[in-house]
Amino acid sequence: MKFDEIGDQIIDSDLTEALHAFTFQVIRRWQILDRQKNLNIQELSLVGTKNDYITVQETALTLKTKANLSLDGVLTDMELQSQALRKRLGSQVVLWPFSKKLHVSLAKEVGSKIRLALPEQLFTELYAAKFSKSKISYVTFRNQVYHKLL
């Protein structure tokens, strides 16, 4: 299956509006450093209660946007979180996303992840219209579409 086949079928099935219904979530993780570029060892009390969007561990901080937001929504959510976080942290610590240069042991734990979700109805309509005839399962078809997007 070629990517162009999927695009052509989206147009042929009049499903182009579904392309505007992608949803996103962004998860960002940083090392927490003090001003001397050492891993932070002091407790940070950014959140008083359980919070699904901000997680502080000893030397790392994770921010997570709400799930299933539009692109504009996820960008707004990230900006609001960043502003609130910068205000709360002050100048005592630095959030460091480039761990390979400082603390290699945590390198794989920092950075950003983006979750992208397409509307399920887009998959079902495309599969029923054309791709069910290709003798692959629905789940395989769905996975191939996501793989091609990557």
N, C-alpha and C. Protein backbone atom coordinates (compact mmCIF):
# COMPACT_ATOMS: atom_id res chain seq x y z
N MET A 1 0.85 -1.18 0.00
CA MET A 1 0.00 0.00 0.00
C MET A 1 0.89 1.24 0.00
N LYS A 2 0.62 2.16 -0.89
CA LYS A 2 1.38 3.40 -0.97
C LYS A 2 0.64 4.50 -0.21
N PHE A 3 1.40 5.45 0.30
CA PHE A 3 0.79 6.55 1.03
C PHE A 3 -0.17 7.31 0.13
N ASP A 4 0.18 7.45 -1.15
CA ASP A 4 -0.68 8.16 -2.09
C ASP A 4 -2.04 7.48 -2.22
N GLU A 5 -2.05 6.15 -2.11
CA GLU A 5 -3.33 5.43 -2.18
C GLU A 5 -4.25 5.86 -1.06
N ILE A 6 -3.70 6.04 0.13
CA ILE A 6 -4.50 6.45 1.28
C ILE A 6 -5.04 7.86 1.04
N GLY A 7 -4.16 8.76 0.60
CA GLY A 7 -4.59 10.13 0.32
C GLY A 7 -5.66 10.20 -0.76
N ASP A 8 -5.45 9.43 -1.82
CA ASP A 8 -6.45 9.40 -2.89
C ASP A 8 -7.79 8.90 -2.38
N GLN A 9 -7.77 7.87 -1.53
CA GLN A 9 -9.01 7.32 -1.02
C GLN A 9 -9.70 8.30 -0.06
N ILE A 10 -8.91 9.06 0.69
CA ILE A 10 -9.50 10.09 1.57
C ILE A 10 -10.28 11.10 0.72
N ILE A 11 -9.69 11.50 -0.39
CA ILE A 11 -10.36 12.47 -1.28
C ILE A 11 -11.57 11.81 -1.95
N ASP A 12 -11.38 10.59 -2.47
CA ASP A 12 -12.48 9.90 -3.16
C ASP A 12 -13.66 9.63 -2.24
N SER A 13 -13.40 9.38 -0.97
CA SER A 13 -14.47 9.10 0.00
C SER A 13 -14.97 10.37 0.68
N ASP A 14 -14.47 11.52 0.25
CA ASP A 14 -14.88 12.81 0.81
C ASP A 14 -14.68 12.85 2.34
N LEU A 15 -13.47 12.45 2.75
CA LEU A 15 -13.14 12.41 4.18
C LEU A 15 -12.08 13.44 4.57
N THR A 16 -11.89 14.45 3.73
CA THR A 16 -10.82 15.41 4.01
C THR A 16 -11.05 16.19 5.30
N GLU A 17 -12.29 16.39 5.70
CA GLU A 17 -12.56 17.11 6.96
C GLU A 17 -12.01 16.34 8.16
N ALA A 18 -11.94 15.03 8.06
CA ALA A 18 -11.41 14.22 9.16
C ALA A 18 -9.95 14.53 9.44
N LEU A 19 -9.24 15.04 8.43
CA LEU A 19 -7.83 15.38 8.62
C LEU A 19 -7.64 16.55 9.58
N HIS A 20 -8.71 17.31 9.80
CA HIS A 20 -8.65 18.42 10.76
C HIS A 20 -8.98 17.96 12.18
N ALA A 21 -9.25 16.70 12.34
CA ALA A 21 -9.65 16.18 13.65
C ALA A 21 -8.53 15.39 14.33
N PHE A 22 -7.29 15.56 13.88
CA PHE A 22 -6.17 14.94 14.58
C PHE A 22 -6.16 15.47 16.00
N THR A 23 -5.76 14.65 16.95
CA THR A 23 -5.60 15.14 18.32
C THR A 23 -4.17 14.85 18.77
N PHE A 24 -3.72 15.65 19.72
CA PHE A 24 -2.33 15.60 20.15
C PHE A 24 -2.23 15.59 21.67
N GLN A 25 -1.08 15.11 22.13
CA GLN A 25 -0.66 15.26 23.52
C GLN A 25 0.86 15.35 23.49
N VAL A 26 1.42 16.23 24.31
CA VAL A 26 2.86 16.39 24.39
C VAL A 26 3.29 16.10 25.82
N ILE A 27 4.35 15.31 25.94
CA ILE A 27 4.95 15.01 27.24
C ILE A 27 6.39 15.48 27.18
N ARG A 28 6.76 16.38 28.09
CA ARG A 28 8.12 16.92 28.11
C ARG A 28 8.77 16.59 29.45
N ARG A 29 10.02 16.17 29.39
CA ARG A 29 10.74 15.79 30.61
C ARG A 29 12.12 16.45 30.60
N TRP A 30 12.47 17.05 31.73
CA TRP A 30 13.75 17.73 31.90
C TRP A 30 14.48 17.21 33.12
N GLN A 31 15.78 17.35 33.10
CA GLN A 31 16.56 17.20 34.33
C GLN A 31 16.43 18.51 35.09
N ILE A 32 16.45 18.43 36.40
CA ILE A 32 16.42 19.63 37.23
C ILE A 32 17.83 19.86 37.74
N LEU A 33 18.40 21.00 37.36
CA LEU A 33 19.76 21.34 37.76
C LEU A 33 19.74 22.56 38.66
N ASP A 34 20.72 22.63 39.54
CA ASP A 34 20.90 23.86 40.30
C ASP A 34 21.76 24.81 39.48
N ARG A 35 22.01 25.98 39.98
CA ARG A 35 22.76 26.99 39.24
C ARG A 35 24.22 26.60 38.98
N GLN A 36 24.73 25.61 39.72
CA GLN A 36 26.10 25.14 39.51
C GLN A 36 26.16 23.96 38.54
N LYS A 37 25.06 23.68 37.87
CA LYS A 37 24.93 22.61 36.87
C LYS A 37 25.01 21.22 37.47
N ASN A 38 24.67 21.09 38.74
CA ASN A 38 24.57 19.79 39.39
C ASN A 38 23.11 19.38 39.43
N LEU A 39 22.88 18.07 39.45
CA LEU A 39 21.50 17.62 39.59
C LEU A 39 20.93 18.15 40.89
N ASN A 40 19.73 18.64 40.81
CA ASN A 40 19.06 19.19 41.98
C ASN A 40 18.80 18.09 43.01
N ILE A 41 19.08 18.36 44.26
CA ILE A 41 18.80 17.38 45.31
C ILE A 41 17.80 17.92 46.34
N GLN A 42 17.41 19.19 46.18
CA GLN A 42 16.44 19.76 47.09
C GLN A 42 15.04 19.47 46.58
N GLU A 43 14.13 19.23 47.50
CA GLU A 43 12.76 18.93 47.13
C GLU A 43 12.09 20.18 46.57
N LEU A 44 11.40 20.01 45.45
CA LEU A 44 10.64 21.10 44.86
C LEU A 44 9.17 20.85 45.13
N SER A 45 8.52 21.81 45.72
CA SER A 45 7.09 21.64 45.99
C SER A 45 6.28 22.46 44.99
N LEU A 46 6.25 21.96 43.78
CA LEU A 46 5.49 22.65 42.73
C LEU A 46 4.02 22.35 42.81
N VAL A 47 3.70 21.17 43.28
CA VAL A 47 2.33 20.73 43.30
C VAL A 47 2.03 20.18 44.68
N GLY A 48 0.96 20.68 45.29
CA GLY A 48 0.63 20.24 46.64
C GLY A 48 -0.13 18.93 46.69
N THR A 49 -0.87 18.62 45.65
CA THR A 49 -1.66 17.40 45.62
C THR A 49 -1.31 16.62 44.37
N LYS A 50 -1.92 15.46 44.21
CA LYS A 50 -1.69 14.64 43.02
C LYS A 50 -2.09 15.44 41.78
N ASN A 51 -1.20 15.49 40.83
CA ASN A 51 -1.45 16.23 39.61
C ASN A 51 -1.06 15.35 38.42
N ASP A 52 -1.98 15.15 37.51
CA ASP A 52 -1.73 14.29 36.35
C ASP A 52 -0.85 14.96 35.29
N TYR A 53 -0.63 16.26 35.42
CA TYR A 53 0.06 17.00 34.37
C TYR A 53 1.46 17.45 34.74
N ILE A 54 1.78 17.50 36.02
CA ILE A 54 3.13 17.85 36.47
C ILE A 54 3.60 16.78 37.44
N THR A 55 4.74 16.19 37.14
CA THR A 55 5.32 15.19 38.02
C THR A 55 6.75 15.61 38.34
N VAL A 56 7.05 15.69 39.62
CA VAL A 56 8.41 16.03 40.04
C VAL A 56 8.99 14.82 40.74
N GLN A 57 10.11 14.34 40.18
CA GLN A 57 10.85 13.29 40.83
C GLN A 57 12.16 13.91 41.29
N GLU A 58 12.97 13.19 41.98
CA GLU A 58 14.17 13.77 42.58
C GLU A 58 14.95 14.70 41.66
N THR A 59 15.28 14.22 40.49
CA THR A 59 16.14 15.00 39.60
C THR A 59 15.48 15.31 38.26
N ALA A 60 14.19 15.06 38.14
CA ALA A 60 13.53 15.26 36.85
C ALA A 60 12.12 15.82 37.06
N LEU A 61 11.69 16.56 36.05
CA LEU A 61 10.34 17.13 36.06
C LEU A 61 9.68 16.76 34.74
N THR A 62 8.43 16.34 34.80
CA THR A 62 7.68 15.98 33.61
C THR A 62 6.41 16.83 33.53
N LEU A 63 6.20 17.43 32.38
CA LEU A 63 4.96 18.16 32.10
C LEU A 63 4.23 17.39 31.00
N LYS A 64 2.94 17.25 31.19
CA LYS A 64 2.12 16.53 30.23
C LYS A 64 0.90 17.39 29.91
N THR A 65 0.63 17.62 28.63
CA THR A 65 -0.57 18.35 28.28
C THR A 65 -1.77 17.42 28.44
N LYS A 66 -2.94 17.99 28.40
CA LYS A 66 -4.14 17.18 28.41
C LYS A 66 -4.14 16.33 27.14
N ALA A 67 -4.78 15.20 27.19
CA ALA A 67 -4.82 14.30 26.03
C ALA A 67 -5.90 14.76 25.05
N ASN A 68 -5.72 14.36 23.81
CA ASN A 68 -6.72 14.57 22.76
C ASN A 68 -7.08 16.03 22.53
N LEU A 69 -6.08 16.88 22.45
CA LEU A 69 -6.29 18.29 22.15
C LEU A 69 -6.02 18.54 20.67
N SER A 70 -6.63 19.60 20.16
CA SER A 70 -6.30 20.04 18.82
C SER A 70 -4.88 20.60 18.84
N LEU A 71 -4.32 20.86 17.68
CA LEU A 71 -2.97 21.42 17.63
C LEU A 71 -2.92 22.76 18.36
N ASP A 72 -3.90 23.62 18.10
CA ASP A 72 -3.94 24.91 18.81
C ASP A 72 -4.10 24.70 20.32
N GLY A 73 -4.93 23.74 20.69
CA GLY A 73 -5.16 23.47 22.11
C GLY A 73 -3.91 22.98 22.81
N VAL A 74 -3.16 22.09 22.17
CA VAL A 74 -1.95 21.57 22.80
C VAL A 74 -0.88 22.66 22.91
N LEU A 75 -0.78 23.53 21.91
CA LEU A 75 0.17 24.64 21.97
C LEU A 75 -0.19 25.62 23.08
N THR A 76 -1.47 25.92 23.22
CA THR A 76 -1.92 26.80 24.30
C THR A 76 -1.67 26.18 25.65
N ASP A 77 -1.98 24.91 25.80
CA ASP A 77 -1.77 24.20 27.06
C ASP A 77 -0.29 24.20 27.44
N MET A 78 0.59 23.93 26.47
CA MET A 78 2.03 23.93 26.73
C MET A 78 2.51 25.32 27.16
N GLU A 79 2.02 26.35 26.51
CA GLU A 79 2.44 27.71 26.84
C GLU A 79 1.99 28.10 28.25
N LEU A 80 0.75 27.77 28.60
CA LEU A 80 0.25 28.07 29.94
C LEU A 80 1.05 27.32 31.01
N GLN A 81 1.31 26.06 30.77
CA GLN A 81 2.10 25.28 31.72
C GLN A 81 3.49 25.86 31.89
N SER A 82 4.12 26.21 30.77
CA SER A 82 5.48 26.75 30.83
C SER A 82 5.53 28.06 31.60
N GLN A 83 4.58 28.93 31.35
CA GLN A 83 4.55 30.21 32.07
C GLN A 83 4.37 29.99 33.57
N ALA A 84 3.42 29.15 33.93
CA ALA A 84 3.18 28.88 35.35
C ALA A 84 4.39 28.23 36.00
N LEU A 85 5.01 27.32 35.30
CA LEU A 85 6.16 26.61 35.84
C LEU A 85 7.35 27.55 36.03
N ARG A 86 7.63 28.39 35.03
CA ARG A 86 8.74 29.34 35.15
C ARG A 86 8.53 30.29 36.33
N LYS A 87 7.31 30.74 36.51
CA LYS A 87 6.99 31.64 37.61
C LYS A 87 7.19 30.95 38.95
N ARG A 88 6.77 29.71 39.04
CA ARG A 88 6.86 28.95 40.29
C ARG A 88 8.31 28.55 40.62
N LEU A 89 9.09 28.20 39.62
CA LEU A 89 10.46 27.77 39.85
C LEU A 89 11.38 28.91 40.26
N GLY A 90 11.12 30.10 39.73
CA GLY A 90 12.01 31.22 40.01
C GLY A 90 13.36 31.00 39.37
N SER A 91 14.41 31.47 40.01
CA SER A 91 15.74 31.38 39.41
C SER A 91 16.65 30.40 40.16
N GLN A 92 16.10 29.60 41.03
CA GLN A 92 16.92 28.70 41.83
C GLN A 92 17.37 27.45 41.07
N VAL A 93 16.56 27.00 40.14
CA VAL A 93 16.90 25.79 39.38
C VAL A 93 16.73 26.04 37.89
N VAL A 94 17.32 25.16 37.11
CA VAL A 94 17.25 25.22 35.65
C VAL A 94 16.68 23.89 35.17
N LEU A 95 15.75 23.96 34.24
CA LEU A 95 15.24 22.74 33.61
C LEU A 95 16.10 22.49 32.38
N TRP A 96 16.74 21.34 32.34
CA TRP A 96 17.75 21.06 31.32
C TRP A 96 17.32 19.90 30.44
N PRO A 97 16.98 20.17 29.16
CA PRO A 97 16.52 19.10 28.28
C PRO A 97 17.64 18.38 27.54
N PHE A 98 18.88 18.82 27.70
CA PHE A 98 19.98 18.28 26.92
C PHE A 98 20.90 17.46 27.80
N SER A 99 20.43 16.36 28.32
CA SER A 99 21.15 15.63 29.36
C SER A 99 22.44 14.97 28.90
N LYS A 100 22.60 14.66 27.64
CA LYS A 100 23.80 13.94 27.21
C LYS A 100 25.07 14.70 27.57
N LYS A 101 25.03 16.00 27.55
CA LYS A 101 26.23 16.77 27.83
C LYS A 101 26.53 16.86 29.32
N LEU A 102 25.51 16.71 30.17
CA LEU A 102 25.74 16.87 31.60
C LEU A 102 25.65 15.56 32.37
N HIS A 103 24.56 14.88 32.22
CA HIS A 103 24.33 13.69 33.03
C HIS A 103 23.85 12.55 32.15
N VAL A 104 24.81 11.83 31.60
CA VAL A 104 24.53 10.79 30.62
C VAL A 104 23.61 9.71 31.18
N SER A 105 23.68 9.45 32.47
CA SER A 105 22.88 8.38 33.07
C SER A 105 21.38 8.63 32.90
N LEU A 106 20.99 9.88 32.72
CA LEU A 106 19.57 10.20 32.57
C LEU A 106 19.18 10.57 31.14
N ALA A 107 20.11 10.41 30.21
CA ALA A 107 19.90 10.90 28.84
C ALA A 107 18.64 10.34 28.19
N LYS A 108 18.36 9.09 28.37
CA LYS A 108 17.19 8.51 27.69
C LYS A 108 15.88 8.90 28.35
N GLU A 109 15.93 9.52 29.52
CA GLU A 109 14.71 9.85 30.23
C GLU A 109 14.21 11.26 29.96
N VAL A 110 14.99 12.09 29.31
CA VAL A 110 14.56 13.46 29.08
C VAL A 110 14.24 13.68 27.62
N GLY A 111 13.55 14.77 27.34
CA GLY A 111 13.16 15.09 25.97
C GLY A 111 11.66 15.22 25.85
N SER A 112 11.17 15.16 24.64
CA SER A 112 9.74 15.33 24.39
C SER A 112 9.19 14.15 23.62
N LYS A 113 7.94 13.85 23.90
CA LYS A 113 7.20 12.84 23.15
C LYS A 113 5.93 13.50 22.65
N ILE A 114 5.54 13.17 21.45
CA ILE A 114 4.30 13.69 20.89
C ILE A 114 3.41 12.50 20.55
N ARG A 115 2.21 12.54 21.08
CA ARG A 115 1.22 11.51 20.74
C ARG A 115 0.24 12.13 19.75
N LEU A 116 0.01 11.40 18.68
CA LEU A 116 -0.89 11.85 17.63
C LEU A 116 -1.98 10.79 17.49
N ALA A 117 -3.21 11.23 17.44
CA ALA A 117 -4.32 10.29 17.24
C ALA A 117 -5.19 10.78 16.09
N LEU A 118 -5.51 9.86 15.22
CA LEU A 118 -6.42 10.15 14.12
C LEU A 118 -7.82 9.68 14.51
N PRO A 119 -8.85 10.27 13.94
CA PRO A 119 -10.21 9.82 14.27
C PRO A 119 -10.42 8.37 13.82
N GLU A 120 -10.95 7.57 14.70
CA GLU A 120 -11.16 6.15 14.40
C GLU A 120 -12.09 5.97 13.20
N GLN A 121 -13.04 6.85 13.06
CA GLN A 121 -13.97 6.75 11.93
C GLN A 121 -13.25 6.89 10.59
N LEU A 122 -12.19 7.66 10.55
CA LEU A 122 -11.40 7.78 9.32
C LEU A 122 -10.85 6.41 8.92
N PHE A 123 -10.31 5.69 9.89
CA PHE A 123 -9.77 4.35 9.60
C PHE A 123 -10.87 3.40 9.14
N THR A 124 -11.98 3.39 9.85
CA THR A 124 -13.05 2.43 9.51
C THR A 124 -13.62 2.70 8.13
N GLU A 125 -13.80 3.99 7.80
CA GLU A 125 -14.35 4.33 6.49
C GLU A 125 -13.37 3.97 5.36
N LEU A 126 -12.10 4.29 5.55
CA LEU A 126 -11.10 3.96 4.53
C LEU A 126 -10.97 2.46 4.34
N TYR A 127 -10.95 1.75 5.46
CA TYR A 127 -10.80 0.30 5.39
C TYR A 127 -11.99 -0.32 4.66
N ALA A 128 -13.20 0.11 5.02
CA ALA A 128 -14.40 -0.44 4.39
C ALA A 128 -14.47 -0.08 2.91
N ALA A 129 -14.07 1.14 2.56
CA ALA A 129 -14.19 1.60 1.18
C ALA A 129 -13.22 0.91 0.23
N LYS A 130 -12.00 0.63 0.69
CA LYS A 130 -11.01 0.11 -0.25
C LYS A 130 -10.07 -0.94 0.33
N PHE A 131 -9.58 -0.71 1.50
CA PHE A 131 -8.44 -1.49 1.97
C PHE A 131 -8.81 -2.84 2.58
N SER A 132 -10.10 -3.09 2.82
CA SER A 132 -10.51 -4.42 3.29
C SER A 132 -10.27 -5.45 2.18
N LYS A 133 -10.28 -4.99 0.96
CA LYS A 133 -10.06 -5.88 -0.19
C LYS A 133 -8.60 -6.31 -0.31
N SER A 134 -7.71 -5.66 0.41
CA SER A 134 -6.28 -5.97 0.30
C SER A 134 -5.88 -7.18 1.14
N LYS A 135 -6.83 -7.79 1.80
CA LYS A 135 -6.62 -9.02 2.58
C LYS A 135 -5.68 -8.82 3.78
N ILE A 136 -5.65 -7.60 4.31
CA ILE A 136 -4.95 -7.39 5.57
C ILE A 136 -6.01 -7.07 6.62
N SER A 137 -5.69 -7.34 7.86
CA SER A 137 -6.66 -7.08 8.92
C SER A 137 -6.81 -5.58 9.15
N TYR A 138 -7.90 -5.21 9.78
CA TYR A 138 -8.15 -3.81 10.09
C TYR A 138 -7.03 -3.24 10.97
N VAL A 139 -6.63 -3.99 11.98
CA VAL A 139 -5.59 -3.52 12.90
C VAL A 139 -4.27 -3.32 12.16
N THR A 140 -3.93 -4.24 11.26
CA THR A 140 -2.71 -4.10 10.47
C THR A 140 -2.79 -2.85 9.59
N PHE A 141 -3.94 -2.64 8.95
CA PHE A 141 -4.14 -1.45 8.13
C PHE A 141 -3.95 -0.18 8.97
N ARG A 142 -4.58 -0.13 10.11
CA ARG A 142 -4.51 1.03 11.00
C ARG A 142 -3.05 1.29 11.41
N ASN A 143 -2.35 0.23 11.78
CA ASN A 143 -0.95 0.37 12.18
C ASN A 143 -0.09 0.85 11.02
N GLN A 144 -0.39 0.38 9.80
CA GLN A 144 0.38 0.81 8.63
C GLN A 144 0.18 2.30 8.35
N VAL A 145 -1.02 2.79 8.56
CA VAL A 145 -1.27 4.22 8.35
C VAL A 145 -0.46 5.03 9.33
N TYR A 146 -0.49 4.66 10.61
CA TYR A 146 0.32 5.38 11.61
C TYR A 146 1.81 5.27 11.29
N HIS A 147 2.25 4.11 10.86
CA HIS A 147 3.65 3.93 10.52
C HIS A 147 4.05 4.85 9.36
N LYS A 148 3.19 4.96 8.37
CA LYS A 148 3.47 5.82 7.23
C LYS A 148 3.52 7.30 7.66
N LEU A 149 2.68 7.68 8.60
CA LEU A 149 2.72 9.05 9.09
C LEU A 149 4.03 9.37 9.81
N LEU A 150 4.54 8.37 10.53
CA LEU A 150 5.81 8.58 11.23
C LEU A 150 6.91 8.81 10.24
